[in-house]
Protein backbone atom coordinates (compact mmCIF):
# COMPACT_ATOMS: atom_id res chain seq x y z
CA MET A 1 0.06 0.06 0.45
CA ARG A 2 1.19 3.47 -1.10
CA THR A 3 0.27 6.25 1.57
CA LEU A 4 1.09 10.27 1.30
CA ILE A 5 1.16 12.65 4.01
CA ARG A 6 0.61 16.12 2.94
CA GLY A 7 2.29 18.24 5.46
CA GLY A 8 2.47 21.71 6.76
CA TRP A 9 6.07 21.42 7.18
CA VAL A 10 8.18 18.55 6.21
CA VAL A 11 11.48 17.64 7.36
CA GLY A 12 13.39 15.97 4.53
CA HIS A 13 16.82 14.90 3.90
CA SER A 14 19.82 16.07 1.31
CA GLY A 15 21.92 12.95 2.20
CA THR A 16 24.17 15.37 4.52
CA THR A 17 21.68 17.35 6.38
CA HIS A 18 18.11 17.70 7.37
CA THR A 19 16.16 20.13 5.03
CA LEU A 20 12.95 21.74 5.48
CA ILE A 21 10.13 21.63 2.82
CA ARG A 22 6.79 23.83 3.44
CA ASP A 23 3.38 22.23 2.32
CA GLY A 24 5.77 19.15 1.39
CA VAL A 25 4.95 15.72 1.02
CA VAL A 26 6.25 12.48 2.52
CA VAL A 27 5.20 9.06 0.42
CA TYR A 28 5.70 5.70 1.84
CA GLU A 29 4.86 2.07 0.07
CA ASP A 30 4.54 -0.64 2.89
CA ASP A 31 7.55 -0.11 5.34
CA THR A 32 9.88 2.09 3.22
CA ILE A 33 9.62 6.03 2.04
CA VAL A 34 9.84 6.06 -1.72
CA HIS A 35 9.57 10.06 -2.21
CA VAL A 36 9.83 13.09 -0.32
CA GLY A 37 9.52 16.61 -1.84
CA ALA A 38 7.24 19.75 -2.69
CA ASP A 39 4.60 17.30 -4.37
CA PHE A 40 3.82 13.84 -5.52
CA ASP A 41 1.79 13.13 -9.06
CA GLY A 42 2.26 9.19 -8.46
CA HIS A 43 -0.72 7.02 -7.45
CA VAL A 44 -1.22 6.52 -3.94
CA ASP A 45 -3.68 4.39 -2.04
CA ARG A 46 -4.33 6.83 0.56
CA GLU A 47 -3.58 10.23 1.94
CA ILE A 48 -3.03 11.77 5.73
CA ASP A 49 -3.81 15.38 5.89
CA ALA A 50 -1.11 16.80 8.12
CA ALA A 51 -1.62 20.16 6.71
CA SER A 52 -1.07 22.20 10.02
CA ARG A 53 1.41 19.61 11.39
CA LEU A 54 5.56 19.35 11.03
CA VAL A 55 5.95 15.76 9.61
CA SER A 56 9.43 14.72 11.10
CA PRO A 57 11.35 11.44 11.21
CA GLY A 58 10.71 9.48 14.44
CA PHE A 59 13.02 10.18 17.58
CA ILE A 60 15.75 7.62 18.42
CA ASP A 61 15.87 7.52 21.96
CA THR A 62 19.41 6.10 23.00
CA HIS A 63 19.12 5.57 26.79
CA ILE A 64 16.05 4.62 28.46
CA HIS A 65 15.55 2.66 31.95
CA SER A 66 12.21 0.97 31.83
CA GLY A 67 9.15 1.08 34.15
CA HIS A 68 7.35 4.07 35.67
CA ARG A 69 10.58 5.15 37.32
CA ALA A 70 8.97 5.58 40.52
CA ALA A 71 12.07 5.55 42.62
CA HIS A 72 13.34 8.31 40.44
CA ARG A 73 10.64 10.57 41.66
CA LEU A 74 12.44 10.32 45.29
CA ILE A 75 15.50 12.43 43.91
CA THR A 76 13.99 15.74 43.10
CA ASP A 77 15.63 18.23 45.37
CA ALA A 78 16.84 15.19 47.74
CA GLY A 79 19.69 12.97 48.21
CA ARG A 80 23.08 12.14 50.10
CA PRO A 81 25.84 14.25 49.57
CA GLU A 82 28.33 11.47 49.19
CA TYR A 83 26.97 10.21 46.20
CA PHE A 84 27.70 13.26 44.56
CA GLY A 85 24.38 13.51 42.86
CA GLN A 86 24.33 10.31 41.01
CA PRO A 87 20.80 9.33 40.80
CA PHE A 88 21.95 5.17 40.31
CA PHE A 89 23.48 5.15 43.80
CA GLU A 90 20.11 6.55 45.58
CA THR A 91 17.86 4.41 43.87
CA LEU A 92 19.29 1.26 42.74
CA PRO A 93 21.35 -0.40 45.31
CA ALA A 94 19.65 -2.51 48.38
CA ARG A 95 21.36 -3.20 51.74
CA ARG A 96 23.15 -6.78 51.22
CA GLY A 97 20.80 -9.41 51.34
CA ARG A 98 17.56 -7.60 50.51
CA PRO A 99 15.80 -8.24 47.29
CA HIS A 100 15.41 -4.69 45.53
CA GLY A 101 12.29 -3.05 45.90
CA GLY A 102 12.55 -0.68 42.98
CA ASP A 103 11.06 -0.47 39.81
CA ALA A 104 10.28 -3.79 37.70
CA GLY A 105 13.23 -3.12 35.49
CA ASP A 106 15.74 -2.87 38.33
CA TRP A 107 15.22 -6.37 39.79
CA VAL A 108 15.75 -10.13 38.77
CA LYS A 109 13.05 -12.73 38.50
CA ARG A 110 12.77 -14.20 42.24
CA ALA A 111 12.37 -17.90 43.59
CA GLY A 112 8.61 -18.05 44.39
CA GLU A 113 7.39 -15.21 42.52
CA ASP A 114 3.67 -14.81 42.41
CA GLU A 115 1.65 -13.79 39.61
CA ALA A 116 1.28 -10.31 40.92
CA ALA A 117 4.91 -9.60 40.62
CA ALA A 118 4.98 -11.21 37.15
CA GLN A 119 2.14 -8.94 35.84
CA ARG A 120 4.03 -5.85 37.55
CA ARG A 121 6.91 -6.49 34.82
CA ILE A 122 4.36 -6.65 31.93
CA ASP A 123 2.49 -3.77 33.00
CA ALA A 124 5.91 -1.91 33.10
CA ALA A 125 6.89 -2.85 29.77
CA THR A 126 3.39 -1.45 28.72
CA TYR A 127 4.11 1.77 30.58
CA THR A 128 7.63 2.09 28.90
CA VAL A 129 6.65 1.46 25.39
CA ALA A 130 3.70 3.32 25.41
CA GLU A 131 5.13 6.36 26.77
CA LEU A 132 8.05 6.15 23.94
CA LEU A 133 5.60 5.85 21.54
CA ARG A 134 2.93 8.76 22.66
CA ASN A 135 5.96 11.24 22.63
CA GLY A 136 7.24 10.60 19.09
CA THR A 137 10.10 7.87 19.74
CA THR A 138 9.91 5.09 17.09
CA THR A 139 13.36 3.59 18.09
CA PHE A 140 14.93 2.86 21.48
CA MET A 141 18.12 1.56 23.28
CA ASP A 142 17.54 -0.07 26.61
CA PHE A 143 19.82 0.70 29.17
CA GLY A 144 20.21 -2.08 31.72
CA ALA A 145 17.05 -4.31 32.36
CA GLN A 146 17.52 -7.58 33.53
CA LEU A 147 16.31 -10.68 31.39
CA PRO A 148 12.80 -10.97 32.67
CA MET A 149 12.29 -7.37 31.90
CA GLN A 150 13.80 -7.52 28.53
CA GLN A 151 11.50 -10.37 27.98
CA ALA A 152 8.25 -8.36 28.52
CA LEU A 153 9.80 -5.44 26.69
CA LEU A 154 10.16 -7.70 23.79
CA ALA A 155 6.86 -8.95 23.96
CA GLU A 156 5.47 -5.14 24.14
CA SER A 157 7.30 -3.61 21.63
CA GLU A 158 6.21 -6.41 19.01
CA ARG A 159 2.55 -5.71 20.35
CA LEU A 160 2.83 -1.97 20.32
CA GLY A 161 5.00 -1.82 17.30
CA ILE A 162 8.27 -0.20 18.34
CA ARG A 163 11.72 -0.65 17.04
CA ALA A 164 14.09 -1.83 19.87
CA TYR A 165 17.33 -2.62 20.89
CA LEU A 166 17.58 -5.26 23.18
CA ALA A 167 19.40 -7.94 25.56
CA PRO A 168 19.83 -8.10 29.25
CA SER A 169 22.75 -6.35 30.80
CA TYR A 170 25.53 -7.81 33.12
CA ALA A 171 28.48 -6.67 35.34
CA SER A 172 31.26 -8.39 37.06
CA ALA A 173 30.02 -6.61 40.51
CA ASP A 174 27.26 -5.27 42.04
CA TRP A 175 26.60 -2.15 44.42
CA VAL A 176 25.41 -3.08 47.73
CA GLY A 177 24.76 -1.56 51.34
CA GLY A 178 27.38 -2.69 53.57
CA GLU A 179 26.47 -2.99 57.37
CA ASP A 180 27.29 0.77 58.10
CA GLY A 181 24.92 2.02 55.17
CA ARG A 182 27.83 2.56 52.84
CA LEU A 183 28.01 1.47 49.32
CA VAL A 184 30.43 -1.08 48.44
CA ARG A 185 30.94 -3.31 45.39
CA ASP A 186 30.22 -6.81 45.57
CA TRP A 187 32.63 -8.87 42.99
CA ASP A 188 31.20 -11.99 41.12
CA GLU A 189 33.11 -12.31 37.76
CA GLU A 190 31.31 -15.74 37.40
CA LYS A 191 27.66 -13.96 37.53
CA GLY A 192 29.18 -11.30 35.10
CA ARG A 193 30.32 -14.33 32.52
CA ARG A 194 26.84 -15.86 32.82
CA GLY A 195 25.44 -12.62 32.17
CA LEU A 196 27.12 -12.07 29.23
CA HIS A 197 26.30 -15.54 27.57
CA ALA A 198 22.69 -15.02 28.64
CA ALA A 199 22.80 -11.72 26.69
CA ILE A 200 24.24 -13.78 23.73
CA GLU A 201 21.79 -16.33 24.05
CA PHE A 202 18.96 -13.68 24.05
CA ILE A 203 20.44 -11.75 20.99
CA ASP A 204 20.91 -15.45 19.17
CA GLU A 205 16.93 -16.14 19.70
CA HIS A 206 15.26 -12.71 19.10
CA ALA A 207 17.43 -10.57 16.96
CA GLY A 208 15.49 -9.78 13.61
CA ALA A 209 11.93 -10.69 15.33
CA ALA A 210 8.71 -8.43 14.42
CA ASN A 211 9.92 -7.97 10.89
CA GLY A 212 13.28 -6.71 11.84
CA ARG A 213 12.31 -4.53 14.37
CA ILE A 214 13.90 -6.18 17.11
CA ARG A 215 17.70 -6.07 17.40
CA GLY A 216 20.46 -6.81 19.85
CA ILE A 217 22.83 -4.72 21.71
CA LEU A 218 25.25 -5.46 24.34
CA ILE A 219 24.96 -3.96 28.11
CA PRO A 220 28.00 -4.14 30.07
CA PHE A 221 26.21 -1.85 32.96
CA THR A 222 28.99 0.31 34.32
CA THR A 223 32.81 0.99 33.91
CA GLU A 224 33.39 0.37 37.53
CA LEU A 225 31.51 -2.67 38.03
CA MET A 226 33.42 -4.45 34.94
CA SER A 227 36.52 -6.55 35.05
CA LEU A 228 38.94 -5.82 32.12
CA GLU A 229 38.49 -9.51 31.09
CA LEU A 230 34.57 -9.57 31.08
CA LEU A 231 35.23 -5.92 28.69
CA ARG A 232 37.29 -7.83 26.29
CA GLU A 233 34.88 -10.75 26.10
CA THR A 234 32.22 -8.13 25.41
CA ARG A 235 34.30 -6.46 22.55
CA LYS A 236 34.88 -10.19 21.04
CA ALA A 237 31.34 -10.64 21.17
CA ALA A 238 30.19 -7.50 19.79
CA ASP A 239 32.30 -8.19 16.68
CA SER A 240 31.37 -11.68 16.47
CA LEU A 241 27.41 -10.64 16.72
CA GLY A 242 27.72 -7.69 14.80
CA VAL A 243 25.91 -5.51 17.42
CA PRO A 244 26.52 -2.20 19.12
CA VAL A 245 27.62 -2.09 22.76
CA SER A 246 26.30 0.42 25.60
CA ILE A 247 27.94 0.96 28.67
CA HIS A 248 27.79 3.81 31.38
CA ALA A 249 30.89 5.52 31.42
CA ALA A 250 32.48 8.77 32.81
CA TYR A 251 29.06 9.43 34.18
CA ASN A 252 29.69 10.33 37.95
CA VAL A 253 32.31 11.68 40.23
CA VAL A 254 32.91 8.42 42.07
CA GLU A 255 33.31 6.11 39.07
CA PHE A 256 35.95 8.49 37.73
CA PHE A 257 38.23 8.58 40.64
CA GLN A 258 37.68 4.68 41.45
CA ILE A 259 38.64 3.88 37.80
CA VAL A 260 41.64 6.61 37.66
CA THR A 261 42.82 5.04 41.27
CA GLU A 262 42.66 1.06 39.98
CA HIS A 263 43.86 1.33 36.45
CA GLY A 264 45.82 4.59 36.38
CA MET A 265 43.66 5.73 33.59
CA THR A 266 40.31 7.61 33.05
CA PRO A 267 36.96 5.89 32.25
CA ILE A 268 37.03 6.58 28.58
CA GLU A 269 41.02 5.85 28.68
CA LEU A 270 40.21 2.31 30.21
CA LEU A 271 37.48 1.65 27.42
CA ASP A 272 39.86 2.46 24.66
CA SER A 273 42.46 0.42 26.14
CA VAL A 274 40.07 -2.94 25.63
CA GLY A 275 38.79 -1.85 22.05
CA LEU A 276 35.47 0.04 23.54
CA CYS A 277 36.09 3.66 22.50
CA ALA A 278 34.60 2.86 19.16
CA SER A 279 32.11 3.48 16.32
CA ASP A 280 29.85 0.98 17.52
CA VAL A 281 29.80 1.71 20.89
CA LEU A 282 27.33 4.06 23.05
CA ILE A 283 28.86 5.87 25.99
CA GLY A 284 25.98 6.76 28.86
CA HIS A 285 26.22 10.12 29.48
CA GLY A 286 30.08 10.61 29.08
CA ASN A 287 29.92 14.04 31.07
CA PHE A 288 32.87 13.22 33.76
CA VAL A 289 35.29 13.28 30.99
CA ALA A 290 39.06 14.34 31.75
CA GLU A 291 38.46 17.46 30.49
CA ASN A 292 35.48 18.66 32.99
CA PRO A 293 36.93 21.43 35.28
CA ARG A 294 35.32 19.40 38.26
CA MET A 295 37.48 16.74 37.65
CA ASN A 296 40.83 18.89 38.08
CA TYR A 297 42.47 16.44 36.27
CA PRO A 298 45.46 17.67 33.78
CA ALA A 299 46.19 16.71 30.24
CA GLY A 300 42.97 14.63 29.76
CA ARG A 301 42.24 13.56 26.23
CA ASP A 302 38.95 11.89 26.55
CA LEU A 303 37.05 13.84 23.94
CA GLU A 304 40.21 13.03 21.37
CA LEU A 305 39.61 9.65 22.34
CA MET A 306 36.06 9.64 21.70
CA ALA A 307 36.34 11.68 18.52
CA GLU A 308 38.74 9.19 17.15
CA GLY A 309 36.99 6.21 18.13
CA GLY A 310 33.84 7.62 16.63
CA ALA A 311 31.98 6.70 19.69
CA THR A 312 28.89 8.05 20.36
CA VAL A 313 27.90 9.80 23.59
CA SER A 314 24.29 9.18 24.96
CA HIS A 315 23.43 12.67 26.41
CA CYS A 316 20.68 12.36 28.75
CA PRO A 317 19.91 16.61 29.81
CA ILE A 318 17.19 16.45 31.80
CA ASN A 319 18.34 13.75 34.13
CA LEU A 320 21.92 15.64 34.45
CA ALA A 321 20.25 18.93 35.14
CA ARG A 322 17.63 17.73 37.82
CA ARG A 323 20.94 16.58 39.71
CA GLY A 324 23.15 19.69 38.82
CA ARG A 325 25.16 18.17 36.62
CA TYR A 326 25.74 18.84 32.80
CA LEU A 327 27.74 18.32 29.53
CA ASP A 328 30.74 20.74 29.73
CA SER A 329 30.37 21.69 27.09
CA TRP A 330 27.82 21.12 23.94
CA ALA A 331 30.45 23.63 22.36
CA THR A 332 33.63 21.59 23.41
CA TYR A 333 32.18 18.25 22.54
CA ARG A 334 30.98 19.31 18.76
CA LYS A 335 34.42 21.14 18.14
CA ALA A 336 36.30 17.84 19.23
CA GLY A 337 34.26 16.10 16.66
CA VAL A 338 32.18 13.95 19.41
CA ASN A 339 29.00 11.99 18.03
CA VAL A 340 26.23 13.43 20.38
CA ALA A 341 22.88 11.71 20.76
CA LEU A 342 19.94 12.37 23.00
CA GLY A 343 18.49 9.70 25.51
CA SER A 344 15.72 10.43 28.18
CA ASP A 345 17.16 7.70 30.86
CA THR A 346 14.37 8.05 33.37
CA PHE A 347 11.42 10.34 33.07
CA PRO A 348 9.67 12.19 31.43
CA ARG A 349 10.43 10.04 28.27
CA ASP A 350 9.87 13.09 26.14
CA MET A 351 12.52 13.81 23.48
CA ILE A 352 11.25 17.25 22.67
CA MET A 353 11.51 18.56 26.12
CA ASN A 354 15.34 16.82 26.17
CA MET A 355 16.41 18.95 23.00
CA ARG A 356 15.02 22.02 25.08
CA CYS A 357 17.11 21.11 28.06
CA ALA A 358 20.01 20.15 25.88
CA SER A 359 19.75 23.63 23.95
CA LEU A 360 19.53 25.48 27.02
CA VAL A 361 22.04 24.08 29.35
CA GLY A 362 24.29 23.73 26.27
CA LYS A 363 24.12 27.25 25.66
CA ILE A 364 24.85 28.13 29.26
CA MET A 365 27.67 25.90 29.74
CA SER A 366 29.11 26.75 26.38
CA GLY A 367 28.89 30.49 27.08
CA SER A 368 27.18 30.99 23.74
CA PHE A 369 23.98 31.61 22.79
CA LEU A 370 25.13 30.41 19.08
CA GLU A 371 25.79 26.74 20.45
CA ALA A 372 23.78 23.83 21.24
CA THR A 373 21.12 25.25 18.35
CA ALA A 374 17.54 23.68 17.68
CA ALA A 375 19.13 22.17 14.46
CA GLU A 376 22.15 20.54 16.32
CA VAL A 377 20.04 19.16 19.15
CA PHE A 378 17.04 18.25 16.58
CA GLU A 379 20.15 16.00 14.97
CA ALA A 380 20.98 14.52 18.14
CA ALA A 381 17.39 13.23 18.54
CA THR A 382 17.18 11.73 15.06
CA VAL A 383 19.98 11.29 12.64
CA ASN A 384 23.03 11.15 15.05
CA ALA A 385 22.21 7.67 16.75
CA THR A 386 22.14 6.12 13.42
CA ARG A 387 25.97 6.31 13.64
CA VAL A 388 26.34 3.77 16.61
CA LEU A 389 23.64 1.62 14.99
CA ARG A 390 25.32 1.74 11.74
CA ARG A 391 21.83 2.22 9.99
CA ASP A 392 21.15 5.08 7.45
CA ASP A 393 17.61 3.87 7.20
CA LEU A 394 16.47 5.59 10.32
CA GLY A 395 16.47 8.86 11.75
CA ARG A 396 15.58 10.57 8.50
CA LEU A 397 12.73 10.90 6.06
CA ALA A 398 14.27 9.83 2.70
CA PRO A 399 13.61 7.70 -0.24
CA GLY A 400 14.88 4.06 0.71
CA ALA A 401 14.64 5.23 4.70
CA LYS A 402 12.35 3.29 7.02
CA ALA A 403 8.91 4.55 7.41
CA ASP A 404 9.44 5.88 10.96
CA ILE A 405 7.37 9.39 11.19
CA ALA A 406 6.16 11.43 13.62
CA ILE A 407 3.52 13.78 12.79
CA ILE A 408 3.72 16.85 15.24
CA ASP A 409 0.94 19.38 15.88
CA ILE A 410 2.53 22.88 16.13
CA SER A 411 -0.90 24.62 15.92
CA GLY A 412 -1.04 25.01 19.53
CA ARG A 413 -4.28 23.44 19.40
CA GLY A 414 -6.51 26.52 20.92
CA THR A 415 -3.50 27.76 23.05
CA LEU A 416 -0.65 30.56 22.21
CA ARG A 417 2.07 28.27 23.29
CA TYR A 418 3.51 27.87 20.05
CA GLY A 419 2.40 31.62 18.72
CA PRO A 420 3.67 32.34 15.27
CA VAL A 421 5.69 29.72 13.54
CA ARG A 422 8.29 30.86 11.40
CA ASP A 423 11.05 28.19 11.77
CA PRO A 424 8.82 24.97 12.81
CA ILE A 425 12.29 23.14 14.00
CA LYS A 426 13.07 26.41 16.48
CA SER A 427 9.58 26.17 17.36
CA LEU A 428 9.49 23.10 18.31
CA VAL A 429 12.53 22.89 20.54
CA ASP A 430 11.79 26.34 21.94
CA VAL A 431 8.15 25.36 22.87
CA GLY A 432 7.29 21.82 21.90
CA VAL A 433 6.25 19.13 24.28
CA GLY A 434 5.66 15.35 23.48
CA ASP A 435 1.76 15.73 23.83
CA ASP A 436 2.13 17.94 20.80
CA VAL A 437 2.63 14.41 18.83
CA ASP A 438 -0.38 13.58 16.91
CA THR A 439 0.59 10.51 14.88
CA VAL A 440 3.14 7.86 14.99
CA ILE A 441 4.26 5.78 12.29
CA VAL A 442 6.84 2.79 12.66
CA ASP A 443 7.53 0.40 9.98
CA GLY A 444 4.79 1.91 7.65
CA ILE A 445 1.85 1.18 10.31
CA VAL A 446 0.06 3.80 12.18
CA ARG A 447 0.85 3.36 15.93
CA VAL A 448 -0.34 6.42 17.67
CA GLU A 449 -3.08 8.34 15.64
CA GLY A 450 -4.91 11.27 17.46
CA GLY A 451 -2.69 10.99 20.54
CA ARG A 452 -3.87 7.34 21.07
CA VAL A 453 -1.70 4.82 21.24
CA ASP A 454 -3.31 1.67 19.67
CA GLY A 455 -4.04 -1.09 21.84
CA VAL A 456 -3.26 0.50 25.06
CA ASP A 457 -5.66 2.06 27.79
CA MET A 458 -3.46 5.13 29.06
CA ALA A 459 -6.14 5.55 31.89
CA GLU A 460 -5.34 1.84 32.92
CA VAL A 461 -1.63 2.15 32.54
CA HIS A 462 -1.43 5.45 34.52
CA ARG A 463 -3.61 3.72 37.09
CA PHE A 464 -1.24 0.89 37.32
CA GLY A 465 1.75 3.36 37.56
CA GLN A 466 0.53 5.42 40.29
CA GLU A 467 -0.60 2.46 42.54
CA ASP A 468 2.73 0.39 41.99
CA ALA A 469 4.76 3.87 42.92
CA GLU A 470 2.74 3.82 46.16
CA ARG A 471 3.56 0.28 46.86
CA LEU A 472 7.04 0.74 46.30
CA TRP A 473 6.99 4.00 48.24
CA GLY A 474 5.48 2.63 51.09
CA GLY A 475 8.11 -0.26 51.29
CA TRP A 476 10.76 1.74 50.85
CA ARG A 477 12.43 1.11 54.23
CA ASN A 478 12.26 -2.42 53.37
CA TRP A 479 15.57 -2.34 51.15
CA ASP A 480 17.03 1.18 51.15
CA VAL A 481 20.93 0.82 52.18
CA ALA A 482 20.18 3.83 54.78
CA GLU A 483 17.12 2.22 56.02
CA ARG A 484 14.82 5.39 55.42
CA THR A 485 11.32 5.73 54.59
CA ALA A 486 10.10 7.68 51.48
CA GLU A 487 9.86 10.38 53.30
CA GLU A 488 12.95 10.67 55.00
CA ALA A 489 14.70 10.19 51.68
CA SER A 490 12.71 12.91 49.76
CA PRO A 491 11.05 15.04 52.17
CA TRP A 492 7.81 16.76 50.80
CA SER A 493 8.01 20.15 49.19
CA PHE A 494 5.79 21.64 51.71
CA PRO A 495 4.81 20.41 55.47
CA LEU A 496 1.67 17.99 55.34
CA SER A 497 -1.52 19.15 56.90
CA GLY A 498 -4.94 18.09 57.41
CA ARG A 499 -6.15 14.72 55.86
CA SER A 500 -2.97 14.80 53.84
CA ARG A 501 -0.98 13.95 56.90
CA ARG A 502 -1.25 10.23 56.11
CA ALA A 503 1.27 9.69 53.13
CA PRO A 504 1.69 6.81 50.65
CA SER A 505 5.28 6.57 52.36
CA ASP A 506 3.76 5.80 55.90
CA CYS A 507 1.83 3.05 54.32
CA ALA A 508 3.75 -0.49 54.28
C-alpha cells in the first residue's frame, strides 16, 4: 500500500543534512519511504492530511531505563551528598541480602515469584513502550534491564510496534549497602560471565523478530562494575554478533576516581584500552570526562579518544540537570568532533523536552547563545544515533529509509503556546512537548493516531503506575541502604496538613 502524507512542514534529508520543505509531502510504500518533496504526482492508495503539522522522522531514544521510574521521583531536590548527585546510587543498590524493591526493570525474577509480580513487569513494559510511542519515539535502546524485563519489553515492543534494541545487562559486580549504610562493590566475576552468555543467547534467539524491528545490543552496565577481562570478552562478542555496545562511562565523580585509582587511567581511556571507544559503542552520559573542570585532571584527552574512535555519547540532559550536572560543554564536544545523541534515561521519556533542555543548558555551559542550536539538538534526537547503530535507514525522511514518522501538531491546539511559527524546528525546540505528537508511524504502520496509542488504555496504564509507585514508596525502608522511609529520603515540598498527613510513604 502506498500512502502520502501532506504536511504543513516536512523535515526532509539531502543526504548530508536535514532540510525543511514547506507544504511538502512524504510518500511511503509498505515499510519504506519512496518520495520526499514539494509534491508527488504518482498513484497513492490513501492520504494523511497533516496540513497544520510538522512531519518529522521519528525520534531515537538512545538511553531508557524501563518502568514508571517511581524510585527516581524521590531524587528531586533530595539525596545523600556522598553520592555526588548520582541518582543511580540513590535508587538502585539495596542493603546486602535484601531484594530490590524498586521499579520492575531493576530486579531479577525471584524464586517463588507470584503472578502479581510477574504482571507488574508486563505492565511496566507497557508503560515504557506506550510512553515512548506517545511522545514520538520510534526507536529506543534499553540501557540495563534484567532478563525478565527484557522479555517483557520484547513482547510489548512486538505488540505495540516500536523499534527496539534489547538484551539483558551484565556486570562483574553489584553495588550493595554494607552494614554501615555505605555502598560497597560485591564482586562475582562468574555471575558477570553468565550474564554475558545470557545476553548472547537472547540476541541469537530474538534478533530480527517483529519484521526486523527487534535487534540486539550488548550492555556491560558500568565501567566501575566491570573487570577488564569481561570488557574484552564483550568486545569479542560484539564483533562476532555484529551488534552495538552501550555502557555507562564517565558518568559520575565516584566512578571517575575509582577507575583512575584502580587502573591509572580515566574511564574513557580504560574503554579505549580494551577496544570499546569505537564507532559501535554508545557511552552513557560521558559528561565527567578528563577535560571537565570538576575533575581537576590535567592533560586529559578523553574527547580526543572518543572522537578518534567514533564513539557516540548518549546525553540525557533532563536527568543530568535535575541533579545539578551538565555536559561541559556542548560546544567543546562538538568542536572536538564527538558524536552526541540524546536519551531520556528516566522520566519524562519526552525527546522534545530533552531537546529543549539540551539546547538551553548547552548554551549556558558553552557561554554562547550560538551553540547547542535547535538544528544540532534535533539532529541529536534523530540522525546522530544512527551512527552507532550503523543504519542509514533510520532518523531521516528520505527515499529508502524506513517509514518511521512522527507527525507533530505545531498549531498550539487552541492555545498560544507556539504563537507565530516561522521556523518549525526552532519552535518545536523552544516550546514543544511530547503531547504535541499527534500521529506516529513505525515500519509504515500507524501506531499512534490522534494522540491515542493503538492497543493501550492509557488511563489503565496511568492507574498501574500510580498504584505500583505507592507500593514502592510505602515499602522503601525495607531495602533502602540507609533504612529510610520514602519521606525521609525525599521530604515533602511543603509540610503536610489535615487529611493529607497520612502519606503513601507511611503505608507499608
